[in-house]
Amino acid sequence: MSKTSLLRGDDSSESGSLDGGPKSVSKSGSDTSSEDVHPAEEANRLSMIQTLIHLWKCNIGTGLLGLPLAMKNAGILVGPIGLLTIGVLTVHCMVILLNCAHHLSQRLQKTFVNYGEAMMHSLETCPNAWLRTHAAWGRYTVSFLLIITQLGFCSVYFIFMADNLQQIVEEAHVTSNVCLPRKSLVLTPILDIRVYMLTILPFLVLLVFIRNLKVLSVFSTLANITTLGSMALIFEYITQEIPDPSNLPLMADWKTFLLFFGTAIFTFEGVGMVLPLKNQMKHPQNFSFVLYFGMSLVIILFICLGTLGYMKFGSDTQASIILNLPNCWYVPAARGAQGRVMGSQS
């Protein structure tokens, strides 16, 4: 929901975004500040804290729970190094994208440019004559890929929420204060997962109608608080009685490395939100600090959860770390918290 709204806000940057985006053009052609923005539009802009909250929420999704398995597919040494490398490269590409958009906005005397415009205007100045002639195709291609990417993320979130709700309901009668291994549980499905999808659908539809980023920042804040709570429960368990990691391979079979790479790329899912967030800030010049600070914490969280989760469960690491947790009272709480987080993201 919030990701779709952010993309819509970015696409309408020329004529005013859904949240009252900027309409003024820099007088000098080299300054893209928002001094001439209407006060009503300025009031709907994002502060640094609100932008940071949105950035965190856009990057912390379902891929986080699969990082221990990603570490298993890469190795206890190669995994963290590879995840750090991918994280640094992701941030570097984000910075390049921001610099290109800033350069184009100055050259074209626009306050902001969106993803499609950045691609189109970049192709218009490339040395290849064919690409210059078909520069508009670049705009359509980027827009199409963004739509497919966000549709994929939201589809995963929708299934994830329904699956978590189903497991919470079906495990309610076997959950107790005595922690039992999850593999010892034998559950009989009560309802089809599509019934749970229909149950949560009305709430997601209502969230979609909220198109103001300042209002969405409230939901983002709640989602981040919920994420911290669920992560605290998970870390509280995986940091207890960690087995000797010397038995784990430093580098896994090269055939499984592509699985690690795919999970890592999926985890860093916030690249499509960089320009929309910057375009909606009160002071866009401060976005670089927000990006570096926010993504640094995200990368640290990813590496810690993936590494500790793999060290804790070793060869028994499952596709989602929640499947490795015992059937204790806090597991449904963590699962429900993650489900609510995904609901605010989709």
C-alpha atoms as a PDB file:
ATOM      1  CA  MET A   1       0.000   0.000   0.000  1.00  0.00           C
ATOM      2  CA  SER A   2       2.600   2.581   1.045  1.00  0.00           C
ATOM      3  CA  LYS A   3       5.002   1.503  -1.698  1.00  0.00           C
ATOM      4  CA  THR A   4       2.334   1.908  -4.343  1.00  0.00           C
ATOM      5  CA  SER A   5       1.436   5.323  -2.977  1.00  0.00           C
ATOM      6  CA  LEU A   6       5.067   6.381  -3.012  1.00  0.00           C
ATOM      7  CA  LEU A   7       5.425   5.368  -6.626  1.00  0.00           C
ATOM      8  CA  ARG A   8       2.284   7.260  -7.577  1.00  0.00           C
ATOM      9  CA  GLY A   9       3.609  10.311  -5.743  1.00  0.00           C
ATOM     10  CA  ASP A  10       6.862  10.093  -7.694  1.00  0.00           C
ATOM     11  CA  ASP A  11       5.180   9.684 -11.073  1.00  0.00           C
ATOM     12  CA  SER A  12       3.146  12.834 -10.564  1.00  0.00           C
ATOM     13  CA  SER A  13       6.051  15.034  -9.551  1.00  0.00           C
ATOM     14  CA  GLU A  14       5.638  17.286 -12.580  1.00  0.00           C
ATOM     15  CA  SER A  15       2.079  18.389 -11.888  1.00  0.00           C
ATOM     16  CA  GLY A  16       2.017  18.054  -8.132  1.00  0.00           C
ATOM     17  CA  SER A  17       2.126  14.767  -6.279  1.00  0.00           C
ATOM     18  CA  LEU A  18      -0.762  13.097  -4.519  1.00  0.00           C
ATOM     19  CA  ASP A  19       0.501  14.566  -1.304  1.00  0.00           C
ATOM     20  CA  GLY A  20       0.830  18.052  -2.711  1.00  0.00           C
ATOM     21  CA  GLY A  21       4.140  17.590  -4.465  1.00  0.00           C
ATOM     22  CA  PRO A  22       6.179  20.539  -5.705  1.00  0.00           C
ATOM     23  CA  LYS A  23       5.138  22.481  -8.746  1.00  0.00           C
ATOM     24  CA  SER A  24       7.710  25.229  -8.710  1.00  0.00           C
ATOM     25  CA  VAL A  25      10.758  25.224 -10.936  1.00  0.00           C
ATOM     26  CA  SER A  26      14.113  26.501  -9.810  1.00  0.00           C
ATOM     27  CA  LYS A  27      14.639  30.048 -10.983  1.00  0.00           C
ATOM     28  CA  SER A  28      18.344  29.645 -11.530  1.00  0.00           C
ATOM     29  CA  GLY A  29      18.176  26.177 -12.990  1.00  0.00           C
ATOM     30  CA  SER A  30      20.836  24.994 -10.556  1.00  0.00           C
ATOM     31  CA  ASP A  31      18.983  25.116  -7.256  1.00  0.00           C
ATOM     32  CA  THR A  32      16.223  22.579  -6.675  1.00  0.00           C
ATOM     33  CA  SER A  33      15.178  23.791  -3.258  1.00  0.00           C
ATOM     34  CA  SER A  34      11.513  24.057  -2.326  1.00  0.00           C
ATOM     35  CA  GLU A  35      11.495  27.665  -1.196  1.00  0.00           C
ATOM     36  CA  ASP A  36       8.684  28.624  -3.596  1.00  0.00           C
ATOM     37  CA  VAL A  37       6.459  25.683  -2.694  1.00  0.00           C
ATOM     38  CA  HIS A  38       2.969  26.588  -1.548  1.00  0.00           C
ATOM     39  CA  PRO A  39       2.593  26.466   2.281  1.00  0.00           C
ATOM     40  CA  ALA A  40      -0.192  23.890   2.007  1.00  0.00           C
ATOM     41  CA  GLU A  41       2.073  21.661  -0.052  1.00  0.00           C
ATOM     42  CA  GLU A  42       5.014  22.222   2.298  1.00  0.00           C
ATOM     43  CA  ALA A  43       2.907  21.038   5.245  1.00  0.00           C
ATOM     44  CA  ASN A  44       2.459  17.658   3.596  1.00  0.00           C
ATOM     45  CA  ARG A  45       6.182  17.107   3.060  1.00  0.00           C
ATOM     46  CA  LEU A  46       8.162  14.547   5.055  1.00  0.00           C
ATOM     47  CA  SER A  47      10.606  15.364   7.810  1.00  0.00           C
ATOM     48  CA  MET A  48      13.914  13.510   8.156  1.00  0.00           C
ATOM     49  CA  ILE A  49      12.478  11.217  10.834  1.00  0.00           C
ATOM     50  CA  GLN A  50       9.406  10.390   8.760  1.00  0.00           C
ATOM     51  CA  THR A  51      11.581   9.688   5.724  1.00  0.00           C
ATOM     52  CA  LEU A  52      13.831   7.440   7.805  1.00  0.00           C
ATOM     53  CA  ILE A  53      10.792   5.544   9.092  1.00  0.00           C
ATOM     54  CA  HIS A  54       9.517   4.982   5.556  1.00  0.00           C
ATOM     55  CA  LEU A  55      13.001   3.913   4.407  1.00  0.00           C
ATOM     56  CA  TRP A  56      13.251   1.304   7.143  1.00  0.00           C
ATOM     57  CA  LYS A  57       9.810  -0.060   6.466  1.00  0.00           C
ATOM     58  CA  CYS A  58      10.419  -0.259   2.728  1.00  0.00           C
ATOM     59  CA  ASN A  59      13.570  -2.337   3.223  1.00  0.00           C
ATOM     60  CA  ILE A  60      12.552  -4.660   6.045  1.00  0.00           C
ATOM     61  CA  GLY A  61      10.212  -7.259   4.558  1.00  0.00           C
ATOM     62  CA  THR A  62       9.711 -11.001   4.255  1.00  0.00           C
ATOM     63  CA  GLY A  63      13.196 -11.512   2.839  1.00  0.00           C
ATOM     64  CA  LEU A  64      14.619 -10.803   6.292  1.00  0.00           C
ATOM     65  CA  LEU A  65      13.194 -14.070   7.641  1.00  0.00           C
ATOM     66  CA  GLY A  66      14.939 -16.096   4.931  1.00  0.00           C
ATOM     67  CA  LEU A  67      18.435 -14.750   5.554  1.00  0.00           C
ATOM     68  CA  PRO A  68      19.577 -17.629   7.837  1.00  0.00           C
ATOM     69  CA  LEU A  69      18.888 -20.050   4.979  1.00  0.00           C
ATOM     70  CA  ALA A  70      20.722 -17.681   2.642  1.00  0.00           C
ATOM     71  CA  MET A  71      23.745 -17.873   4.946  1.00  0.00           C
ATOM     72  CA  LYS A  72      23.478 -21.668   4.858  1.00  0.00           C
ATOM     73  CA  ASN A  73      23.551 -21.553   1.054  1.00  0.00           C
ATOM     74  CA  ALA A  74      26.683 -19.371   1.077  1.00  0.00           C
ATOM     75  CA  GLY A  75      28.669 -20.414   4.142  1.00  0.00           C
ATOM     76  CA  ILE A  76      29.341 -18.924   7.562  1.00  0.00           C
ATOM     77  CA  LEU A  77      32.173 -16.762   6.198  1.00  0.00           C
ATOM     78  CA  VAL A  78      31.144 -16.079   2.608  1.00  0.00           C
ATOM     79  CA  GLY A  79      27.534 -15.375   3.610  1.00  0.00           C
ATOM     80  CA  PRO A  80      28.108 -12.308   5.829  1.00  0.00           C
ATOM     81  CA  ILE A  81      30.803 -10.950   3.500  1.00  0.00           C
ATOM     82  CA  GLY A  82      28.571 -11.454   0.480  1.00  0.00           C
ATOM     83  CA  LEU A  83      25.569  -9.843   2.180  1.00  0.00           C
ATOM     84  CA  LEU A  84      27.689  -6.866   3.236  1.00  0.00           C
ATOM     85  CA  THR A  85      29.028  -6.511  -0.314  1.00  0.00           C
ATOM     86  CA  ILE A  86      25.543  -6.621  -1.828  1.00  0.00           C
ATOM     87  CA  GLY A  87      24.312  -4.087   0.733  1.00  0.00           C
ATOM     88  CA  VAL A  88      27.155  -1.671  -0.008  1.00  0.00           C
ATOM     89  CA  LEU A  89      26.638  -2.039  -3.756  1.00  0.00           C
ATOM     90  CA  THR A  90      22.909  -1.446  -3.328  1.00  0.00           C
ATOM     91  CA  VAL A  91      23.501   1.783  -1.429  1.00  0.00           C
ATOM     92  CA  HIS A  92      26.114   2.834  -3.988  1.00  0.00           C
ATOM     93  CA  CYS A  93      23.629   2.297  -6.823  1.00  0.00           C
ATOM     94  CA  MET A  94      21.034   4.290  -4.890  1.00  0.00           C
ATOM     95  CA  VAL A  95      23.495   7.180  -4.596  1.00  0.00           C
ATOM     96  CA  ILE A  96      24.293   7.029  -8.322  1.00  0.00           C
ATOM     97  CA  LEU A  97      20.562   7.122  -9.065  1.00  0.00           C
ATOM     98  CA  LEU A  98      20.113  10.152  -6.811  1.00  0.00           C
ATOM     99  CA  ASN A  99      23.063  11.960  -8.403  1.00  0.00           C
ATOM    100  CA  CYS A 100      21.755  11.291 -11.904  1.00  0.00           C
ATOM    101  CA  ALA A 101      18.267  12.499 -10.993  1.00  0.00           C
ATOM    102  CA  HIS A 102      19.725  15.627  -9.376  1.00  0.00           C
ATOM    103  CA  HIS A 103      21.883  16.367 -12.430  1.00  0.00           C
ATOM    104  CA  LEU A 104      18.946  15.913 -14.802  1.00  0.00           C
ATOM    105  CA  SER A 105      16.630  18.051 -12.701  1.00  0.00           C
ATOM    106  CA  GLN A 106      19.165  20.880 -12.789  1.00  0.00           C
ATOM    107  CA  ARG A 107      19.761  20.563 -16.525  1.00  0.00           C
ATOM    108  CA  LEU A 108      16.050  20.393 -17.332  1.00  0.00           C
ATOM    109  CA  GLN A 109      15.173  23.074 -14.735  1.00  0.00           C
ATOM    110  CA  LYS A 110      12.713  20.765 -12.994  1.00  0.00           C
ATOM    111  CA  THR A 111      12.270  20.421  -9.276  1.00  0.00           C
ATOM    112  CA  PHE A 112      12.353  16.617  -9.478  1.00  0.00           C
ATOM    113  CA  VAL A 113      12.494  13.824 -12.039  1.00  0.00           C
ATOM    114  CA  ASN A 114      11.073  10.356 -11.506  1.00  0.00           C
ATOM    115  CA  TYR A 115      12.519   6.982 -12.508  1.00  0.00           C
ATOM    116  CA  GLY A 116      11.072   6.917 -16.009  1.00  0.00           C
ATOM    117  CA  GLU A 117      12.093  10.505 -16.750  1.00  0.00           C
ATOM    118  CA  ALA A 118      15.619   9.879 -15.477  1.00  0.00           C
ATOM    119  CA  MET A 119      15.983   6.909 -17.803  1.00  0.00           C
ATOM    120  CA  MET A 120      14.499   8.699 -20.815  1.00  0.00           C
ATOM    121  CA  HIS A 121      16.563  11.878 -20.473  1.00  0.00           C
ATOM    122  CA  SER A 122      19.733   9.859 -19.837  1.00  0.00           C
ATOM    123  CA  LEU A 123      19.205   7.912 -23.063  1.00  0.00           C
ATOM    124  CA  GLU A 124      18.615  11.176 -24.939  1.00  0.00           C
ATOM    125  CA  THR A 125      22.223  12.180 -24.260  1.00  0.00           C
ATOM    126  CA  CYS A 126      23.929   8.817 -24.793  1.00  0.00           C
ATOM    127  CA  PRO A 127      26.378   8.399 -27.744  1.00  0.00           C
ATOM    128  CA  ASN A 128      24.322   5.655 -29.405  1.00  0.00           C
ATOM    129  CA  ALA A 129      22.023   7.159 -32.045  1.00  0.00           C
ATOM    130  CA  TRP A 130      19.494   4.309 -31.895  1.00  0.00           C
ATOM    131  CA  LEU A 131      19.097   4.690 -28.131  1.00  0.00           C
ATOM    132  CA  ARG A 132      18.665   8.441 -28.474  1.00  0.00           C
ATOM    133  CA  THR A 133      15.918   7.908 -31.027  1.00  0.00           C
ATOM    134  CA  HIS A 134      14.111   5.366 -28.847  1.00  0.00           C
ATOM    135  CA  ALA A 135      14.700   7.085 -25.496  1.00  0.00           C
ATOM    136  CA  ALA A 136      10.976   6.942 -24.691  1.00  0.00           C
ATOM    137  CA  TRP A 137      11.191   3.156 -24.643  1.00  0.00           C
ATOM    138  CA  GLY A 138      13.508   3.426 -21.674  1.00  0.00           C
ATOM    139  CA  ARG A 139      10.869   5.334 -19.743  1.00  0.00           C
ATOM    140  CA  TYR A 140       8.208   2.734 -20.464  1.00  0.00           C
ATOM    141  CA  THR A 141      10.582  -0.126 -19.670  1.00  0.00           C
ATOM    142  CA  VAL A 142      11.542   1.300 -16.275  1.00  0.00           C
ATOM    143  CA  SER A 143       7.914   1.995 -15.380  1.00  0.00           C
ATOM    144  CA  PHE A 144       6.922  -1.535 -16.399  1.00  0.00           C
ATOM    145  CA  LEU A 145       9.720  -3.111 -14.352  1.00  0.00           C
ATOM    146  CA  LEU A 146       8.794  -1.017 -11.306  1.00  0.00           C
ATOM    147  CA  ILE A 147       5.172  -2.122 -11.573  1.00  0.00           C
ATOM    148  CA  ILE A 148       6.171  -5.783 -11.889  1.00  0.00           C
ATOM    149  CA  THR A 149       8.599  -5.502  -8.967  1.00  0.00           C
ATOM    150  CA  GLN A 150       6.128  -3.859  -6.608  1.00  0.00           C
ATOM    151  CA  LEU A 151       3.345  -6.225  -7.689  1.00  0.00           C
ATOM    152  CA  GLY A 152       5.621  -9.155  -6.876  1.00  0.00           C
ATOM    153  CA  PHE A 153       6.514  -7.779  -3.452  1.00  0.00           C
ATOM    154  CA  CYS A 154       2.883  -7.063  -2.582  1.00  0.00           C
ATOM    155  CA  SER A 155       1.812 -10.522  -3.757  1.00  0.00           C
ATOM    156  CA  VAL A 156       4.422 -12.127  -1.522  1.00  0.00           C
ATOM    157  CA  TYR A 157       3.267 -10.012   1.420  1.00  0.00           C
ATOM    158  CA  PHE A 158      -0.371 -10.939   0.832  1.00  0.00           C
ATOM    159  CA  ILE A 159       0.400 -14.670   0.798  1.00  0.00           C
ATOM    160  CA  PHE A 160       2.723 -14.262   3.779  1.00  0.00           C
ATOM    161  CA  MET A 161       0.028 -12.568   5.870  1.00  0.00           C
ATOM    162  CA  ALA A 162      -2.575 -15.179   4.993  1.00  0.00           C
ATOM    163  CA  ASP A 163      -0.171 -18.027   5.736  1.00  0.00           C
ATOM    164  CA  ASN A 164       0.785 -16.530   9.105  1.00  0.00           C
ATOM    165  CA  LEU A 165      -2.853 -15.993  10.046  1.00  0.00           C
ATOM    166  CA  GLN A 166      -3.631 -19.592   9.108  1.00  0.00           C
ATOM    167  CA  GLN A 167      -0.783 -20.964  11.224  1.00  0.00           C
ATOM    168  CA  ILE A 168      -1.706 -18.793  14.207  1.00  0.00           C
ATOM    169  CA  VAL A 169      -5.296 -20.041  14.135  1.00  0.00           C
ATOM    170  CA  GLU A 170      -4.395 -23.683  13.610  1.00  0.00           C
ATOM    171  CA  GLU A 171      -1.648 -23.747  16.242  1.00  0.00           C
ATOM    172  CA  ALA A 172      -3.654 -21.915  18.890  1.00  0.00           C
ATOM    173  CA  HIS A 173      -4.816 -25.150  20.533  1.00  0.00           C
ATOM    174  CA  VAL A 174      -1.289 -26.620  20.750  1.00  0.00           C
ATOM    175  CA  THR A 175       0.614 -23.512  21.854  1.00  0.00           C
ATOM    176  CA  SER A 176       1.683 -23.563  25.492  1.00  0.00           C
ATOM    177  CA  ASN A 177       4.262 -22.232  27.899  1.00  0.00           C
ATOM    178  CA  VAL A 178       6.250 -25.428  27.357  1.00  0.00           C
ATOM    179  CA  CYS A 179       8.386 -24.964  24.257  1.00  0.00           C
ATOM    180  CA  LEU A 180       8.182 -27.961  21.920  1.00  0.00           C
ATOM    181  CA  PRO A 181      10.120 -28.525  18.700  1.00  0.00           C
ATOM    182  CA  ARG A 182       8.020 -27.433  15.748  1.00  0.00           C
ATOM    183  CA  LYS A 183       8.814 -30.584  13.783  1.00  0.00           C
ATOM    184  CA  SER A 184       6.983 -32.645  16.395  1.00  0.00           C
ATOM    185  CA  LEU A 185       3.684 -30.888  15.633  1.00  0.00           C
ATOM    186  CA  VAL A 186       1.188 -32.508  13.293  1.00  0.00           C
ATOM    187  CA  LEU A 187      -1.544 -30.072  12.295  1.00  0.00           C
ATOM    188  CA  THR A 188      -4.653 -30.643  10.238  1.00  0.00           C
ATOM    189  CA  PRO A 189      -5.668 -27.667   8.063  1.00  0.00           C
ATOM    190  CA  ILE A 190      -8.945 -26.145   9.218  1.00  0.00           C
ATOM    191  CA  LEU A 191      -9.631 -23.712   6.376  1.00  0.00           C
ATOM    192  CA  ASP A 192      -8.134 -23.162   2.966  1.00  0.00           C
ATOM    193  CA  ILE A 193      -5.552 -20.371   2.840  1.00  0.00           C
ATOM    194  CA  ARG A 194      -7.712 -18.526   0.303  1.00  0.00           C
ATOM    195  CA  VAL A 195     -10.319 -18.029   3.026  1.00  0.00           C
ATOM    196  CA  TYR A 196      -7.729 -16.213   5.112  1.00  0.00           C
ATOM    197  CA  MET A 197      -6.799 -14.119   2.073  1.00  0.00           C
ATOM    198  CA  LEU A 198     -10.404 -13.013   1.730  1.00  0.00           C
ATOM    199  CA  THR A 199     -10.470 -12.218   5.451  1.00  0.00           C
ATOM    200  CA  ILE A 200      -7.620  -9.721   5.306  1.00  0.00           C
ATOM    201  CA  LEU A 201      -8.454  -8.313   1.863  1.00  0.00           C
ATOM    202  CA  PRO A 202     -10.945  -5.621   3.079  1.00  0.00           C
ATOM    203  CA  PHE A 203      -8.360  -4.186   5.484  1.00  0.00           C
ATOM    204  CA  LEU A 204      -5.743  -3.947   2.737  1.00  0.00           C
ATOM    205  CA  VAL A 205      -8.220  -2.284   0.404  1.00  0.00           C
ATOM    206  CA  LEU A 206      -8.946   0.347   3.048  1.00  0.00           C
ATOM    207  CA  LEU A 207      -5.223   0.991   3.522  1.00  0.00           C
ATOM    208  CA  VAL A 208      -4.770   1.527  -0.206  1.00  0.00           C
ATOM    209  CA  PHE A 209      -7.065   4.553  -0.060  1.00  0.00           C
ATOM    210  CA  ILE A 210      -4.607   6.342   2.245  1.00  0.00           C
ATOM    211  CA  ARG A 211      -2.410   8.246  -0.201  1.00  0.00           C
ATOM    212  CA  ASN A 212      -0.858  10.926   2.021  1.00  0.00           C
ATOM    213  CA  LEU A 213       2.683  10.059   3.102  1.00  0.00           C
ATOM    214  CA  LYS A 214       2.394  11.999   6.348  1.00  0.00           C
ATOM    215  CA  VAL A 215      -0.588   9.840   7.301  1.00  0.00           C
ATOM    216  CA  LEU A 216       1.217   6.722   6.123  1.00  0.00           C
ATOM    217  CA  SER A 217       4.156   7.605   8.370  1.00  0.00           C
ATOM    218  CA  VAL A 218       1.937   6.725  11.336  1.00  0.00           C
ATOM    219  CA  PHE A 219       1.416   3.217   9.962  1.00  0.00           C
ATOM    220  CA  SER A 220       5.106   2.995   9.102  1.00  0.00           C
ATOM    221  CA  THR A 221       5.996   3.891  12.687  1.00  0.00           C
ATOM    222  CA  LEU A 222       3.657   1.217  14.057  1.00  0.00           C
ATOM    223  CA  ALA A 223       5.106  -1.285  11.588  1.00  0.00           C
ATOM    224  CA  ASN A 224       8.674  -0.483  12.639  1.00  0.00           C
ATOM    225  CA  ILE A 225       7.798  -0.785  16.330  1.00  0.00           C
ATOM    226  CA  THR A 226       6.145  -4.131  15.638  1.00  0.00           C
ATOM    227  CA  THR A 227       9.193  -5.242  13.660  1.00  0.00           C
ATOM    228  CA  LEU A 228      11.494  -4.351  16.557  1.00  0.00           C
ATOM    229  CA  GLY A 229       9.280  -6.353  18.904  1.00  0.00           C
ATOM    230  CA  SER A 230       9.266  -9.451  16.706  1.00  0.00           C
ATOM    231  CA  MET A 231      13.004  -9.159  16.067  1.00  0.00           C
ATOM    232  CA  ALA A 232      13.622  -8.883  19.817  1.00  0.00           C
ATOM    233  CA  LEU A 233      11.693 -12.122  20.383  1.00  0.00           C
ATOM    234  CA  ILE A 234      13.638 -13.888  17.632  1.00  0.00           C
ATOM    235  CA  PHE A 235      17.038 -12.601  18.779  1.00  0.00           C
ATOM    236  CA  GLU A 236      16.199 -13.529  22.370  1.00  0.00           C
ATOM    237  CA  TYR A 237      15.903 -17.167  21.308  1.00  0.00           C
ATOM    238  CA  ILE A 238      18.674 -17.500  18.718  1.00  0.00           C
ATOM    239  CA  THR A 239      21.318 -15.927  20.977  1.00  0.00           C
ATOM    240  CA  GLN A 240      20.838 -18.606  23.654  1.00  0.00           C
ATOM    241  CA  GLU A 241      23.104 -21.656  23.684  1.00  0.00           C
ATOM    242  CA  ILE A 242      24.603 -21.111  20.246  1.00  0.00           C
ATOM    243  CA  PRO A 243      26.440 -24.278  19.106  1.00  0.00           C
ATOM    244  CA  ASP A 244      30.102 -24.219  18.152  1.00  0.00           C
ATOM    245  CA  PRO A 245      30.211 -22.578  14.689  1.00  0.00           C
ATOM    246  CA  SER A 246      33.517 -24.253  13.814  1.00  0.00           C
ATOM    247  CA  ASN A 247      31.566 -27.190  12.411  1.00  0.00           C
ATOM    248  CA  LEU A 248      29.825 -24.979   9.854  1.00  0.00           C
ATOM    249  CA  PRO A 249      31.399 -24.669   6.391  1.00  0.00           C
ATOM    250  CA  LEU A 250      33.153 -21.386   5.669  1.00  0.00           C
ATOM    251  CA  MET A 251      31.960 -21.618   2.060  1.00  0.00           C
ATOM    252  CA  ALA A 252      29.024 -23.705   0.901  1.00  0.00           C
ATOM    253  CA  ASP A 253      28.722 -25.542  -2.396  1.00  0.00           C
ATOM    254  CA  TRP A 254      28.944 -23.117  -5.312  1.00  0.00           C
ATOM    255  CA  LYS A 255      25.740 -24.612  -6.727  1.00  0.00           C
ATOM    256  CA  THR A 256      23.739 -23.092  -3.863  1.00  0.00           C
ATOM    257  CA  PHE A 257      25.377 -19.669  -4.024  1.00  0.00           C
ATOM    258  CA  LEU A 258      22.831 -18.431  -6.568  1.00  0.00           C
ATOM    259  CA  LEU A 259      20.099 -19.198  -4.019  1.00  0.00           C
ATOM    260  CA  PHE A 260      21.939 -16.969  -1.543  1.00  0.00           C
ATOM    261  CA  PHE A 261      22.303 -14.259  -4.159  1.00  0.00           C
ATOM    262  CA  GLY A 262      18.586 -14.345  -5.042  1.00  0.00           C
ATOM    263  CA  THR A 263      17.497 -14.116  -1.403  1.00  0.00           C
ATOM    264  CA  ALA A 264      19.934 -11.273  -0.715  1.00  0.00           C
ATOM    265  CA  ILE A 265      18.744  -9.262  -3.730  1.00  0.00           C
ATOM    266  CA  PHE A 266      15.112  -9.828  -2.740  1.00  0.00           C
ATOM    267  CA  THR A 267      15.855  -8.659   0.812  1.00  0.00           C
ATOM    268  CA  PHE A 268      17.145  -5.271  -0.346  1.00  0.00           C
ATOM    269  CA  GLU A 269      13.784  -4.343  -1.804  1.00  0.00           C
ATOM    270  CA  GLY A 270      13.660  -0.601  -1.134  1.00  0.00           C
ATOM    271  CA  VAL A 271      15.516   0.705  -4.186  1.00  0.00           C
ATOM    272  CA  GLY A 272      12.215   1.557  -5.866  1.00  0.00           C
ATOM    273  CA  MET A 273      11.423   3.987  -3.060  1.00  0.00           C
ATOM    274  CA  VAL A 274      14.544   6.152  -3.134  1.00  0.00           C
ATOM    275  CA  LEU A 275      13.415   8.892  -5.522  1.00  0.00           C
ATOM    276  CA  PRO A 276       9.798   9.079  -4.252  1.00  0.00           C
ATOM    277  CA  LEU A 277      11.008   9.527  -0.683  1.00  0.00           C
ATOM    278  CA  LYS A 278      13.506  12.204  -1.606  1.00  0.00           C
ATOM    279  CA  ASN A 279      10.934  13.987  -3.761  1.00  0.00           C
ATOM    280  CA  GLN A 280       8.532  14.201  -0.813  1.00  0.00           C
ATOM    281  CA  MET A 281      11.023  15.550   1.753  1.00  0.00           C
ATOM    282  CA  LYS A 282      10.847  19.057   3.156  1.00  0.00           C
ATOM    283  CA  HIS A 283      14.607  19.308   2.740  1.00  0.00           C
ATOM    284  CA  PRO A 284      15.707  16.899  -0.026  1.00  0.00           C
ATOM    285  CA  GLN A 285      19.335  17.888   0.429  1.00  0.00           C
ATOM    286  CA  ASN A 286      19.311  15.930   3.713  1.00  0.00           C
ATOM    287  CA  PHE A 287      18.266  12.677   2.088  1.00  0.00           C
ATOM    288  CA  SER A 288      21.853  11.450   1.664  1.00  0.00           C
ATOM    289  CA  PHE A 289      22.326  11.376   5.435  1.00  0.00           C
ATOM    290  CA  VAL A 290      18.991   9.586   5.893  1.00  0.00           C
ATOM    291  CA  LEU A 291      19.952   7.031   3.241  1.00  0.00           C
ATOM    292  CA  TYR A 292      23.410   6.253   4.632  1.00  0.00           C
ATOM    293  CA  PHE A 293      22.261   6.117   8.246  1.00  0.00           C
ATOM    294  CA  GLY A 294      19.097   4.144   7.586  1.00  0.00           C
ATOM    295  CA  MET A 295      20.658   1.608   5.225  1.00  0.00           C
ATOM    296  CA  SER A 296      23.624   1.091   7.558  1.00  0.00           C
ATOM    297  CA  LEU A 297      21.266  -0.049  10.306  1.00  0.00           C
ATOM    298  CA  VAL A 298      19.345  -2.227   7.839  1.00  0.00           C
ATOM    299  CA  ILE A 299      22.528  -3.959   6.637  1.00  0.00           C
ATOM    300  CA  ILE A 300      23.690  -4.566  10.222  1.00  0.00           C
ATOM    301  CA  LEU A 301      20.293  -6.067  11.116  1.00  0.00           C
ATOM    302  CA  PHE A 302      20.356  -8.339   8.059  1.00  0.00           C
ATOM    303  CA  ILE A 303      23.873  -9.625   8.734  1.00  0.00           C
ATOM    304  CA  CYS A 304      23.241 -10.216  12.438  1.00  0.00           C
ATOM    305  CA  LEU A 305      19.959 -12.078  11.962  1.00  0.00           C
ATOM    306  CA  GLY A 306      21.253 -14.182   9.083  1.00  0.00           C
ATOM    307  CA  THR A 307      24.524 -15.108  10.753  1.00  0.00           C
ATOM    308  CA  LEU A 308      23.148 -15.793  14.244  1.00  0.00           C
ATOM    309  CA  GLY A 309      20.203 -17.716  12.824  1.00  0.00           C
ATOM    310  CA  TYR A 310      22.485 -19.985  10.817  1.00  0.00           C
ATOM    311  CA  MET A 311      24.853 -20.439  13.757  1.00  0.00           C
ATOM    312  CA  LYS A 312      21.909 -21.387  15.972  1.00  0.00           C
ATOM    313  CA  PHE A 313      20.171 -23.909  13.706  1.00  0.00           C
ATOM    314  CA  GLY A 314      23.006 -25.046  11.428  1.00  0.00           C
ATOM    315  CA  SER A 315      22.017 -27.672   8.878  1.00  0.00           C
ATOM    316  CA  ASP A 316      18.418 -27.639  10.193  1.00  0.00           C
ATOM    317  CA  THR A 317      17.874 -24.031   9.068  1.00  0.00           C
ATOM    318  CA  GLN A 318      14.473 -23.669   7.394  1.00  0.00           C
ATOM    319  CA  ALA A 319      13.262 -21.367   4.622  1.00  0.00           C
ATOM    320  CA  SER A 320      11.872 -18.962   7.241  1.00  0.00           C
ATOM    321  CA  ILE A 321      13.495 -18.598  10.623  1.00  0.00           C
ATOM    322  CA  ILE A 322      10.055 -18.655  12.252  1.00  0.00           C
ATOM    323  CA  LEU A 323       9.751 -22.318  11.209  1.00  0.00           C
ATOM    324  CA  ASN A 324      12.826 -23.062  13.336  1.00  0.00           C
ATOM    325  CA  LEU A 325      11.401 -21.498  16.467  1.00  0.00           C
ATOM    326  CA  PRO A 326       9.794 -23.822  19.037  1.00  0.00           C
ATOM    327  CA  ASN A 327       6.060 -23.816  19.628  1.00  0.00           C
ATOM    328  CA  CYS A 328       6.115 -21.295  22.478  1.00  0.00           C
ATOM    329  CA  TRP A 329       3.705 -18.493  23.303  1.00  0.00           C
ATOM    330  CA  TYR A 330       5.944 -15.860  21.738  1.00  0.00           C
ATOM    331  CA  VAL A 331       6.126 -17.541  18.330  1.00  0.00           C
ATOM    332  CA  PRO A 332       2.515 -16.706  17.368  1.00  0.00           C
ATOM    333  CA  ALA A 333       3.198 -13.204  18.683  1.00  0.00           C
ATOM    334  CA  ALA A 334       6.263 -12.838  16.454  1.00  0.00           C
ATOM    335  CA  ARG A 335       4.432 -14.334  13.492  1.00  0.00           C
ATOM    336  CA  GLY A 336       1.432 -12.071  13.997  1.00  0.00           C
ATOM    337  CA  ALA A 337       3.704  -9.049  14.349  1.00  0.00           C
ATOM    338  CA  GLN A 338       5.427  -9.850  11.070  1.00  0.00           C
ATOM    339  CA  GLY A 339       2.056 -10.313   9.410  1.00  0.00           C
ATOM    340  CA  ARG A 340       0.906  -6.875  10.539  1.00  0.00           C
ATOM    341  CA  VAL A 341       4.163  -5.366   9.285  1.00  0.00           C
ATOM    342  CA  MET A 342       3.652  -6.904   5.853  1.00  0.00           C
ATOM    343  CA  GLY A 343       0.092  -5.584   5.847  1.00  0.00           C
ATOM    344  CA  SER A 344       1.277  -2.021   6.228  1.00  0.00           C
ATOM    345  CA  GLN A 345       3.918  -2.539   3.523  1.00  0.00           C
ATOM    346  CA  SER A 346       1.721  -4.050   0.817  1.00  0.00           C
END
